[in-house]
Amino acid sequence: MTDSNAVSDADTEAPLKERVERWLSREMPIIQMHGGTSAVRAADPETGEVIIELGGGCKGCSVSDITTSNIEAELLTWPEIDDITVRVPDARESLGGPDQAESIMGIDRTEGGRGDWGSSNPGKDHL
């Protein structure tokens, strides 16, 4: 990562959201290299709050905690940023989590994907 004090004059005049987005692209190429995405959801220079969301390959990535920590550590050195939140959705969220009744293909997940129709020992009435 580069020294945040070495920011060009053009960068300091740009809106905070745009500067954070440029920094992510320039200093965190590992996100895109691993198939991830990043988006600055909020960047309020008045409150100093920045919210970044990571997605794509970052979901369920074993090093996303390290990436998140690195982003937070650097951006908190910026004088205009007081609070940073980096969200990384849990990989299970895209599937509805463990309480989802159906799989993403619309098949009931009870009975090992066979649904409640029938059972492993259907008996004499089974077709």
Protein backbone atom coordinates (compact mmCIF):
# COMPACT_ATOMS: atom_id res chain seq x y z
CA MET A 1 0.00 0.00 0.00
CA THR A 2 1.18 3.48 -0.66
CA ASP A 3 1.46 6.32 1.77
CA SER A 4 -1.89 8.10 1.91
CA ASN A 5 0.00 11.39 2.35
CA ALA A 6 1.28 11.00 -1.21
CA VAL A 7 -2.18 11.69 -2.64
CA SER A 8 -2.17 14.06 -5.59
CA ASP A 9 -3.90 17.45 -5.46
CA ALA A 10 -6.46 16.21 -8.01
CA ASP A 11 -7.37 13.37 -5.63
CA THR A 12 -7.91 15.67 -2.64
CA GLU A 13 -10.40 17.76 -4.61
CA ALA A 14 -12.50 14.79 -5.75
CA PRO A 15 -15.49 13.66 -3.65
CA LEU A 16 -14.61 11.26 -0.83
CA LYS A 17 -16.55 8.37 -2.41
CA GLU A 18 -14.64 8.73 -5.66
CA ARG A 19 -11.27 8.89 -3.87
CA VAL A 20 -12.06 5.74 -1.87
CA GLU A 21 -13.14 3.93 -5.05
CA ARG A 22 -9.92 4.93 -6.81
CA TRP A 23 -7.86 3.85 -3.81
CA LEU A 24 -9.58 0.44 -3.77
CA SER A 25 -8.85 -0.06 -7.47
CA ARG A 26 -5.25 1.06 -7.18
CA GLU A 27 -4.19 -0.41 -3.83
CA MET A 28 -6.36 -3.52 -3.50
CA PRO A 29 -6.02 -5.25 -6.91
CA ILE A 30 -6.17 -8.60 -5.10
CA ILE A 31 -9.94 -8.13 -4.83
CA GLN A 32 -10.40 -8.16 -8.62
CA MET A 33 -7.58 -10.69 -9.15
CA HIS A 34 -9.51 -13.20 -7.06
CA GLY A 35 -12.82 -12.56 -8.79
CA GLY A 36 -14.13 -10.20 -6.13
CA THR A 37 -15.92 -6.91 -6.42
CA SER A 38 -15.93 -3.80 -4.28
CA ALA A 39 -18.40 -0.96 -4.04
CA VAL A 40 -18.38 2.15 -1.89
CA ARG A 41 -21.96 2.28 -0.62
CA ALA A 42 -21.53 5.46 1.42
CA ALA A 43 -18.80 8.03 2.00
CA ASP A 44 -19.93 11.00 4.07
CA PRO A 45 -17.23 13.64 4.60
CA GLU A 46 -19.46 15.39 7.16
CA THR A 47 -19.68 12.40 9.54
CA GLY A 48 -16.48 10.66 8.40
CA GLU A 49 -18.40 7.43 7.79
CA VAL A 50 -17.49 5.11 4.90
CA ILE A 51 -19.27 1.88 4.02
CA ILE A 52 -17.72 -0.55 1.55
CA GLU A 53 -19.24 -3.79 0.36
CA LEU A 54 -17.19 -6.65 -1.05
CA GLY A 55 -18.85 -9.30 -3.18
CA GLY A 56 -18.25 -11.79 -5.97
CA GLY A 57 -15.29 -14.00 -5.11
CA CYS A 58 -15.00 -12.30 -1.69
CA LYS A 59 -18.08 -14.22 -0.50
CA GLY A 60 -16.77 -17.14 1.48
CA CYS A 61 -13.11 -16.32 0.74
CA SER A 62 -10.79 -17.50 3.49
CA VAL A 63 -8.71 -14.29 3.36
CA SER A 64 -11.58 -11.78 3.22
CA ASP A 65 -11.00 -10.97 6.91
CA ILE A 66 -7.41 -9.96 6.10
CA THR A 67 -8.54 -7.87 3.13
CA THR A 68 -11.18 -6.20 5.30
CA SER A 69 -8.64 -5.44 8.03
CA ASN A 70 -6.18 -3.97 5.52
CA ILE A 71 -8.85 -1.71 4.03
CA GLU A 72 -9.98 -0.52 7.46
CA ALA A 73 -6.43 0.06 8.71
CA GLU A 74 -5.47 2.20 5.72
CA LEU A 75 -8.65 4.23 5.37
CA LEU A 76 -8.72 5.07 9.08
CA THR A 77 -5.44 6.94 8.52
CA TRP A 78 -7.25 9.36 6.22
CA PRO A 79 -8.03 12.54 8.18
CA GLU A 80 -11.58 12.79 6.83
CA ILE A 81 -12.54 9.21 7.76
CA ASP A 82 -13.55 8.41 11.35
CA ASP A 83 -15.59 5.23 10.92
CA ILE A 84 -15.35 2.52 8.31
CA THR A 85 -17.50 -0.54 7.78
CA VAL A 86 -16.49 -3.20 5.28
CA ARG A 87 -19.23 -5.73 4.61
CA VAL A 88 -18.55 -9.15 3.16
CA PRO A 89 -21.75 -11.14 2.64
CA ASP A 90 -21.70 -14.69 3.96
CA ALA A 91 -21.62 -17.19 1.09
CA ARG A 92 -24.69 -18.90 2.56
CA GLU A 93 -26.75 -15.69 2.20
CA SER A 94 -26.96 -16.13 -1.57
CA LEU A 95 -28.50 -19.55 -0.95
CA GLY A 96 -30.90 -18.23 1.68
CA GLY A 97 -28.96 -19.54 4.66
CA PRO A 98 -29.58 -22.69 6.64
CA ASP A 99 -33.27 -21.85 7.22
CA GLN A 100 -34.16 -21.70 3.53
CA ALA A 101 -36.88 -24.25 2.77
CA GLU A 102 -35.89 -24.80 -0.86
CA SER A 103 -32.64 -24.94 -2.71
CA ILE A 104 -31.78 -22.41 -5.38
CA MET A 105 -33.19 -24.89 -7.92
CA GLY A 106 -36.58 -24.99 -6.19
CA ILE A 107 -36.21 -28.47 -4.73
CA ASP A 108 -37.22 -29.07 -1.14
CA ARG A 109 -34.07 -29.85 0.83
CA THR A 110 -35.73 -32.16 3.35
CA GLU A 111 -35.12 -35.89 2.91
CA GLY A 112 -31.80 -35.30 1.15
CA GLY A 113 -33.40 -33.29 -1.65
CA ARG A 114 -36.32 -35.66 -2.21
CA GLY A 115 -38.77 -33.43 -0.39
CA ASP A 116 -41.52 -34.65 1.91
CA TRP A 117 -43.16 -36.71 -0.83
CA GLY A 118 -42.45 -40.29 -0.01
CA SER A 119 -39.63 -41.50 2.16
CA SER A 120 -36.68 -43.83 2.03
CA ASN A 121 -39.07 -46.68 2.96
CA PRO A 122 -42.33 -45.79 1.17
CA GLY A 123 -44.27 -48.96 2.01
CA LYS A 124 -46.89 -50.84 -0.01
CA ASP A 125 -48.93 -47.73 -0.99
CA HIS A 126 -46.02 -46.19 -2.84
CA LEU A 127 -46.37 -46.10 -6.66
